[in-house]
Structures are given as structure tokens and as C-alpha cells.
Amino acid sequence: MLTREFVEAMPKVELHVHLEGATQPATLLKLAKKNGISLPANDLEGVKNWFKFENFDQFVQVYIACIECFRSGEDIELLAEEFAREQARQNILYTEATYTAETIFRRCGVPGDEQIEALLAGFAKVPEVKVQLILDIVRDMDVPNGEWTSALCQKWNAKGVCAIGLSGFEGRNPVARHSAAIRDAKKAGLKVSTHAGETQGPDSIREVLADADPDRIGHGVRCVEDAHLVAELRTSQIHLEVNPSSNICLGGYPGLAEHPLPRMMDEGLNVSINSDDPPFFDTTLSDEYWRCAQEYEFSTDTVFSLAQNAARNAFLPDADKKALLQEMVSRFNTLTSGLD
């Protein structure tokens, strides 16, 4: 019988989680006080209430306010260490965390190399989990800012950075403005993961497919509105990083009952479950698995197959991916041997 405790203990992989968006409220308050930053809330309960969103615009406003709290490499190293400890607590063996280095450089003045060094130092303090970075371009960045991100990705390629990403408001600025920066990163050997089909419909997904050539798509849930696109995604098997609670909290769906995840699975699409910005949406990766398992009556094997699918679509060398999957199966078998 599947239990919440089993889901927590089950070996997992996460492919779509924003590092800054994973800042715990207590840490945010600590950094704000240290750096003299005024937030709309000054206690834990206030921060949790602040993390309630009616739409994507409001979410971005809060997100930017949180980013302003990171003023030094020391602050960023603390973020990385606490993030890795939380991933390890949930038995998440491997994570690819999206991080917007350019925004912190532009708003807070911390140089890009210093940020990456601090992040890697923080991750290294928690050897139980491996974390790699996806440095993302925000759609409304000017072209030179996107090029800055691409150059930083290329400098740290295979040294802690595994991919370039694309995030931000869908539909407000063309993906093509950053195509060259993304293409340069891909030519240098980096993978590409682009947000699309979250707040906008199938055309947003088609746009990134045409102008960014992604290896994975963040969200992608609105593909179900176009049967032809679903068929294309089923054929290509491009991976879709699904974030149920995020979609619900930002107004995409009323609840899990209306969320398209089970339909996407039934259609044979290549999907994983992820947490996106866990404290912002009052969730964790374990919570996401457990809530979906309850709502959709997933079996133990189905839940683990989703975790394995995340590992199969990780941006890892084949040998590392094989070793990760073997470790997951070994741990899973040990867990299930004690089940009735």
C-alpha cells in the first residue's frame, strides 16, 4: 500500500525547480534583515500569506522582490546549501535547478562567476545529492543580457552547469530574439530547456520548438488543447517537466481533478513531476508525488516509473544516467521488500 512515508523515502529526481524560488521563508527573512531589504512581511506567517498568488504577474513581482535579498556570494552559498539539504531530506538523488544569474548580477551586483562558485560550494556541503544548474534567459531580457547568460553557461559547461534555459512571460517577447544565444550554448555542448505552454497555449510550445530547439520543455501542459501538437510530442518524445501545484496556484486549473497530467500520461507523452518553486506554492517534490498519487490513484509502480522517467531525461552523460537509474532501482527494491 502506497503511503506518504513511502513517497518521501522513495529515490527521486527533479528536473524543474527554480533555485531562488526554493528559498525558505525563514532564510528569506534572515537575508532581508542582514542586507537591509524591506519586505511586505516580517514574520513567517506573513511571508506565507505573501506567497499567495492570483496570477503570473503577481508571482513575478514577488519573485523579483525575493531575488533582491541576495547581495553576496555568501548569501548565495547559503541558498545552495539549504536547497541541497532539503533535496537530500526528501531522498532526491539528483536535481537540475534553474537559476537566473543575470538578474542577480544586474539587480544585486554579484558577478556571474562569483555566483556560480558560491552555488557549487554550497552544493558541495551536501554530498548526498548531486545538483547541476540550468542558467536561464528571461524572455524580456535585452539581447546582450541573453548573450551574457549564454557566455556564462559556456564558461561553466560540464563544471556545474548542464543547460541553458528560457523563462519569463510567454507571448510578450518573441523567443527568436534569444535564438542566437541559445544556439551558441547548444553548439558548445549544453542542453536546452525552455518554459512554454504554462500561461499560454499550444502556439507558445510551437514557438519554442521552432526558435529554440529545446531538449526539454518546462510545463508544456497546454499542449492538450491541440490534438495535432499532442501527436507531434508523442512522436518526438520530447520531455515535458510538469508542475501541478504551480499550475493550480497560478490560476491555470482549479485543482488536480482538472489538471491534464493524467491525460498527458494516457496520451503517451514523456512527462515527469516537479515542484517548480516549492515554498511559493506550499509544496515539495514529495508532496507533488503524494497529492497526484491520491488524486489519480497511482500505484507504487506508477509513482516510481515517473521518478525513473525524470532520471532517464536528465542532462547527464549516459554512464552517469545508467548509474543513477541503477541506484534508484536498488533503493526502491529495498523499500518495497518491506511492503505487504
Protein backbone atom coordinates (compact mmCIF):
# COMPACT_ATOMS: atom_id res chain seq x y z
CA MET A 1 0.00 0.00 0.00
CA LEU A 2 1.37 3.39 -1.02
CA THR A 3 1.90 5.79 1.90
CA ARG A 4 3.13 9.35 2.33
CA GLU A 5 6.16 7.98 4.18
CA PHE A 6 7.00 5.70 1.25
CA VAL A 7 6.83 8.58 -1.22
CA GLU A 8 9.19 10.60 0.98
CA ALA A 9 11.65 7.71 1.21
CA MET A 10 11.43 6.74 -2.45
CA PRO A 11 14.50 7.75 -4.52
CA LYS A 12 13.58 10.67 -6.77
CA VAL A 13 14.96 13.02 -9.41
CA GLU A 14 13.84 16.61 -10.00
CA LEU A 15 14.27 18.41 -13.31
CA HIS A 16 12.25 21.62 -12.88
CA VAL A 17 12.84 23.65 -9.73
CA HIS A 18 13.95 27.28 -9.50
CA LEU A 19 16.73 27.79 -7.00
CA GLU A 20 15.75 31.31 -5.98
CA GLY A 21 12.12 30.17 -5.82
CA ALA A 22 13.13 27.43 -3.39
CA THR A 23 14.29 29.91 -0.74
CA GLN A 24 12.70 29.01 2.59
CA PRO A 25 10.72 31.84 4.25
CA ALA A 26 12.98 31.83 7.34
CA THR A 27 16.06 32.21 5.15
CA LEU A 28 14.43 34.99 3.16
CA LEU A 29 13.68 36.91 6.37
CA LYS A 30 17.23 36.34 7.61
CA LEU A 31 18.79 37.67 4.41
CA ALA A 32 16.41 40.62 4.20
CA LYS A 33 17.33 41.67 7.74
CA LYS A 34 21.05 41.16 7.10
CA ASN A 35 21.02 43.20 3.89
CA GLY A 36 18.59 45.91 4.97
CA ILE A 37 15.90 44.87 2.50
CA SER A 38 12.30 45.80 3.30
CA LEU A 39 9.78 43.05 2.56
CA PRO A 40 5.98 43.27 2.72
CA ALA A 41 6.11 40.76 5.59
CA ASN A 42 8.36 40.48 8.64
CA ASP A 43 7.47 37.07 10.07
CA LEU A 44 6.98 33.53 8.79
CA GLU A 45 3.20 33.69 8.71
CA GLY A 46 3.33 36.98 6.86
CA VAL A 47 5.71 35.58 4.24
CA LYS A 48 3.47 32.54 3.73
CA ASN A 49 0.49 34.84 3.18
CA TRP A 50 2.59 36.94 0.78
CA PHE A 51 3.26 33.73 -1.17
CA LYS A 52 -0.34 33.52 -2.34
CA PHE A 53 -0.85 34.45 -5.94
CA GLU A 54 -3.79 35.35 -8.12
CA ASN A 55 -1.87 35.38 -11.40
CA PHE A 56 1.54 35.04 -13.03
CA ASP A 57 2.23 38.79 -12.95
CA GLN A 58 1.83 38.92 -9.17
CA PHE A 59 4.04 35.85 -8.82
CA VAL A 60 6.85 37.51 -10.80
CA GLN A 61 6.63 40.66 -8.67
CA VAL A 62 7.10 38.60 -5.50
CA TYR A 63 9.85 36.55 -7.12
CA ILE A 64 11.84 39.68 -8.04
CA ALA A 65 11.42 41.06 -4.51
CA CYS A 66 12.91 37.84 -3.14
CA ILE A 67 15.85 37.95 -5.56
CA GLU A 68 16.75 41.42 -4.23
CA CYS A 69 17.72 39.78 -0.91
CA PHE A 70 20.79 38.03 -2.36
CA ARG A 71 23.60 40.55 -2.08
CA SER A 72 26.78 38.46 -1.85
CA GLY A 73 28.38 35.15 -2.64
CA GLU A 74 27.89 34.23 1.00
CA ASP A 75 24.12 34.71 0.66
CA ILE A 76 24.05 32.60 -2.48
CA GLU A 77 26.13 29.82 -0.91
CA LEU A 78 23.65 29.68 1.97
CA LEU A 79 20.78 29.35 -0.52
CA ALA A 80 22.56 26.49 -2.30
CA GLU A 81 23.41 24.60 0.87
CA GLU A 82 19.89 24.85 2.30
CA PHE A 83 18.38 23.85 -1.03
CA ALA A 84 20.62 20.77 -1.29
CA ARG A 85 19.85 19.75 2.30
CA GLU A 86 16.12 19.89 1.60
CA GLN A 87 16.54 17.83 -1.57
CA ALA A 88 18.58 15.26 0.34
CA ARG A 89 15.96 15.14 3.11
CA GLN A 90 13.41 14.08 0.50
CA ASN A 91 15.73 11.44 -0.97
CA ILE A 92 16.07 13.37 -4.21
CA LEU A 93 19.30 11.88 -5.52
CA TYR A 94 19.77 14.22 -8.46
CA THR A 95 18.45 17.70 -9.28
CA GLU A 96 18.73 20.15 -12.14
CA ALA A 97 17.99 23.57 -10.67
CA THR A 98 17.15 26.58 -12.82
CA TYR A 99 18.89 29.78 -11.75
CA THR A 100 18.75 33.32 -13.15
CA ALA A 101 22.31 34.57 -12.68
CA GLU A 102 21.88 37.61 -14.93
CA THR A 103 19.05 39.04 -12.84
CA ILE A 104 21.06 38.78 -9.62
CA PHE A 105 24.08 40.32 -11.35
CA ARG A 106 22.01 43.20 -12.73
CA ARG A 107 19.92 43.88 -9.62
CA CYS A 108 22.31 42.94 -6.83
CA GLY A 109 25.75 43.39 -8.36
CA VAL A 110 27.13 39.90 -7.68
CA PRO A 111 29.38 38.87 -10.64
CA GLY A 112 28.35 35.77 -12.55
CA ASP A 113 31.46 33.71 -11.76
CA GLU A 114 31.17 34.54 -8.08
CA GLN A 115 27.56 33.35 -8.12
CA ILE A 116 28.40 30.01 -9.73
CA GLU A 117 31.36 29.43 -7.40
CA ALA A 118 29.14 30.15 -4.39
CA LEU A 119 26.40 27.82 -5.62
CA LEU A 120 28.82 24.97 -6.23
CA ALA A 121 30.42 25.50 -2.81
CA GLY A 122 27.00 25.28 -1.18
CA PHE A 123 26.03 22.13 -3.08
CA ALA A 124 29.37 20.50 -2.17
CA LYS A 125 28.45 20.67 1.51
CA VAL A 126 25.68 18.11 0.88
CA PRO A 127 27.30 15.18 -0.95
CA GLU A 128 24.16 13.01 -0.63
CA VAL A 129 22.59 14.84 -3.57
CA LYS A 130 24.04 15.92 -6.91
CA VAL A 131 22.83 19.28 -8.21
CA GLN A 132 23.54 20.76 -11.64
CA LEU A 133 22.49 24.19 -12.86
CA ILE A 134 20.35 25.39 -15.75
CA LEU A 135 21.12 29.09 -16.26
CA ASP A 136 18.10 30.72 -17.81
CA ILE A 137 17.43 33.64 -20.08
CA VAL A 138 14.30 35.58 -19.17
CA ARG A 139 12.24 36.36 -22.27
CA ASP A 140 12.08 40.10 -21.66
CA MET A 141 15.85 40.46 -21.28
CA ASP A 142 17.61 42.59 -23.86
CA VAL A 143 19.61 40.57 -26.37
CA PRO A 144 23.02 41.41 -24.78
CA ASN A 145 21.77 40.13 -21.42
CA GLY A 146 20.79 36.84 -23.02
CA GLU A 147 24.22 36.66 -24.62
CA TRP A 148 25.77 37.28 -21.17
CA THR A 149 23.87 34.25 -19.84
CA SER A 150 24.90 32.11 -22.80
CA ALA A 151 28.56 33.03 -22.30
CA LEU A 152 28.37 32.16 -18.59
CA CYS A 153 26.77 28.82 -19.46
CA GLN A 154 29.54 28.05 -21.92
CA LYS A 155 32.27 29.00 -19.44
CA TRP A 156 30.87 26.66 -16.78
CA ASN A 157 29.72 23.90 -19.14
CA ALA A 158 30.31 20.46 -17.57
CA LYS A 159 31.66 22.21 -14.46
CA GLY A 160 28.34 22.54 -12.67
CA VAL A 161 26.19 23.95 -15.49
CA CYS A 162 24.44 21.45 -17.75
CA ALA A 163 21.97 23.55 -19.77
CA ILE A 164 20.67 26.93 -20.82
CA GLY A 165 17.04 27.74 -20.10
CA LEU A 166 14.36 30.18 -21.19
CA SER A 167 11.72 31.50 -18.77
CA GLY A 168 9.55 34.56 -18.18
CA PHE A 169 6.29 35.84 -19.62
CA GLU A 170 5.14 33.81 -22.60
CA GLY A 171 3.81 35.79 -25.54
CA ARG A 172 5.17 39.21 -24.59
CA ASN A 173 8.51 38.97 -26.36
CA PRO A 174 9.47 36.67 -29.23
CA VAL A 175 11.63 33.67 -28.42
CA ALA A 176 13.58 34.41 -31.61
CA ARG A 177 15.27 37.43 -30.02
CA HIS A 178 17.32 34.93 -27.95
CA SER A 179 17.67 32.20 -30.56
CA ALA A 180 21.30 33.05 -31.32
CA ALA A 181 22.33 32.97 -27.65
CA ILE A 182 20.59 29.63 -27.14
CA ARG A 183 22.05 28.24 -30.36
CA ASP A 184 25.58 29.26 -29.32
CA ALA A 185 25.17 27.46 -26.00
CA LYS A 186 23.85 24.34 -27.71
CA LYS A 187 26.75 24.34 -30.18
CA ALA A 188 29.09 24.42 -27.17
CA GLY A 189 27.54 21.20 -25.88
CA LEU A 190 24.90 22.49 -23.47
CA LYS A 191 21.36 21.16 -23.39
CA VAL A 192 18.30 23.41 -23.70
CA SER A 193 15.16 23.53 -21.54
CA THR A 194 12.52 26.15 -22.34
CA HIS A 195 9.39 27.17 -20.45
CA ALA A 196 6.32 27.05 -22.69
CA GLY A 197 2.69 26.03 -22.58
CA GLU A 198 2.28 27.23 -18.99
CA THR A 199 0.39 30.53 -19.18
CA GLN A 200 -0.09 30.48 -22.96
CA GLY A 201 -1.49 27.81 -25.27
CA PRO A 202 -0.13 25.46 -27.92
CA ASP A 203 1.30 28.28 -30.05
CA SER A 204 3.77 29.03 -27.26
CA ILE A 205 5.06 25.46 -27.43
CA ARG A 206 5.28 25.56 -31.20
CA GLU A 207 7.25 28.81 -30.94
CA VAL A 208 9.97 27.34 -28.72
CA LEU A 209 10.15 24.21 -30.84
CA ALA A 210 10.77 26.39 -33.90
CA ASP A 211 13.03 29.06 -32.39
CA ALA A 212 14.89 27.39 -29.52
CA ASP A 213 15.20 23.69 -30.49
CA PRO A 214 14.76 22.54 -26.87
CA ASP A 215 15.77 19.17 -25.46
CA ARG A 216 13.04 19.52 -22.82
CA ILE A 217 10.05 21.80 -22.24
CA GLY A 218 9.20 23.23 -18.84
CA HIS A 219 5.47 22.78 -18.16
CA GLY A 220 4.00 22.15 -21.64
CA VAL A 221 0.65 21.26 -20.10
CA ARG A 222 -1.41 23.31 -22.54
CA CYS A 223 -0.37 21.06 -25.39
CA VAL A 224 -3.55 19.08 -24.66
CA GLU A 225 -5.53 21.87 -26.30
CA ASP A 226 -4.18 20.85 -29.73
CA ALA A 227 -4.54 17.22 -30.81
CA HIS A 228 -2.01 17.65 -33.63
CA LEU A 229 0.57 19.04 -31.21
CA VAL A 230 -0.06 16.17 -28.80
CA ALA A 231 0.59 13.73 -31.66
CA GLU A 232 3.83 15.53 -32.54
CA LEU A 233 5.03 15.49 -28.94
CA ARG A 234 4.13 11.83 -28.63
CA THR A 235 6.17 11.03 -31.73
CA SER A 236 9.18 13.17 -30.77
CA GLN A 237 9.02 12.12 -27.08
CA ILE A 238 10.45 15.50 -26.07
CA HIS A 239 10.26 15.58 -22.30
CA LEU A 240 7.69 17.78 -20.52
CA GLU A 241 8.53 18.92 -16.99
CA VAL A 242 5.10 19.07 -15.30
CA ASN A 243 4.47 21.12 -12.12
CA PRO A 244 0.89 20.50 -10.94
CA SER A 245 0.68 22.70 -7.81
CA SER A 246 2.39 25.58 -9.59
CA ASN A 247 -0.18 25.44 -12.40
CA ILE A 248 -3.03 25.42 -9.88
CA CYS A 249 -1.65 28.20 -7.65
CA LEU A 250 -1.10 30.49 -10.64
CA GLY A 251 -4.68 30.01 -11.82
CA GLY A 252 -4.17 27.61 -14.69
CA TYR A 253 -6.53 24.98 -13.27
CA PRO A 254 -8.99 24.92 -10.35
CA GLY A 255 -7.43 21.80 -8.84
CA LEU A 256 -5.78 18.47 -9.51
CA ALA A 257 -9.05 16.99 -10.76
CA GLU A 258 -8.89 19.35 -13.74
CA HIS A 259 -5.12 19.19 -14.28
CA PRO A 260 -4.10 17.49 -17.56
CA LEU A 261 -1.29 15.31 -16.12
CA PRO A 262 -3.23 12.01 -16.27
CA ARG A 263 -4.41 12.79 -19.78
CA MET A 264 -0.85 13.54 -20.84
CA MET A 265 0.23 10.18 -19.45
CA ASP A 266 -2.65 8.40 -21.17
CA GLU A 267 -1.64 10.07 -24.46
CA GLY A 268 1.82 8.55 -24.17
CA LEU A 269 3.63 11.85 -23.62
CA ASN A 270 7.04 11.89 -21.96
CA VAL A 271 6.49 13.56 -18.56
CA SER A 272 7.88 13.97 -15.07
CA ILE A 273 6.53 15.56 -11.87
CA ASN A 274 8.33 18.56 -10.38
CA SER A 275 7.83 21.29 -7.75
CA ASP A 276 8.83 24.50 -9.62
CA ASP A 277 9.08 26.99 -6.69
CA PRO A 278 8.22 24.83 -3.67
CA PRO A 279 7.83 27.35 -0.77
CA PHE A 280 5.96 29.75 -3.06
CA PHE A 281 3.37 27.07 -3.77
CA ASP A 282 3.39 25.43 -0.32
CA THR A 283 4.71 22.18 -1.71
CA THR A 284 7.71 19.88 -2.07
CA LEU A 285 8.53 17.29 -4.69
CA SER A 286 7.36 14.59 -2.26
CA ASP A 287 4.10 16.50 -1.79
CA GLU A 288 3.61 16.63 -5.55
CA TYR A 289 4.02 12.88 -5.89
CA TRP A 290 1.76 12.14 -2.93
CA ARG A 291 -1.02 14.51 -3.98
CA CYS A 292 -1.01 13.15 -7.53
CA ALA A 293 -0.94 9.56 -6.28
CA GLN A 294 -4.00 10.20 -4.13
CA GLU A 295 -5.95 12.17 -6.74
CA TYR A 296 -5.22 9.87 -9.67
CA GLU A 297 -4.96 6.60 -7.72
CA PHE A 298 -1.41 5.96 -8.87
CA SER A 299 0.13 2.66 -7.85
CA THR A 300 3.55 2.36 -6.25
CA ASP A 301 4.96 1.22 -9.59
CA THR A 302 3.42 4.19 -11.43
CA VAL A 303 4.87 6.67 -8.95
CA PHE A 304 8.32 5.11 -9.25
CA SER A 305 8.07 4.98 -13.05
CA LEU A 306 7.60 8.76 -13.05
CA ALA A 307 10.73 9.15 -10.91
CA GLN A 308 12.65 6.87 -13.26
CA ASN A 309 11.41 8.86 -16.23
CA ALA A 310 12.85 12.03 -14.74
CA ALA A 311 16.21 10.25 -14.41
CA ARG A 312 16.06 8.98 -17.99
CA ASN A 313 15.59 12.55 -19.23
CA ALA A 314 18.25 14.14 -17.04
CA PHE A 315 21.05 16.09 -18.70
CA LEU A 316 23.71 13.58 -17.67
CA PRO A 317 26.27 11.54 -19.58
CA ASP A 318 24.95 8.08 -20.41
CA ALA A 319 27.22 6.32 -17.89
CA ASP A 320 26.14 8.64 -15.06
CA LYS A 321 22.49 8.25 -16.03
CA LYS A 322 22.81 4.46 -16.02
CA ALA A 323 24.43 4.54 -12.57
CA LEU A 324 21.70 6.85 -11.25
CA LEU A 325 18.93 4.57 -12.51
CA GLN A 326 20.64 1.52 -11.01
CA GLU A 327 20.91 3.22 -7.63
CA MET A 328 17.25 4.24 -7.79
CA VAL A 329 16.14 0.69 -8.56
CA SER A 330 18.28 -0.72 -5.77
CA ARG A 331 16.85 1.70 -3.22
CA PHE A 332 13.31 1.16 -4.50
CA ASN A 333 13.66 -2.61 -4.22
CA THR A 334 14.91 -2.28 -0.67
CA LEU A 335 11.90 -0.12 0.19
CA THR A 336 9.32 -2.36 -1.46
CA SER A 337 10.73 -5.51 0.12
CA GLY A 338 9.20 -4.33 3.38
CA LEU A 339 5.73 -3.68 1.91
CA ASP A 340 2.87 -6.15 2.24
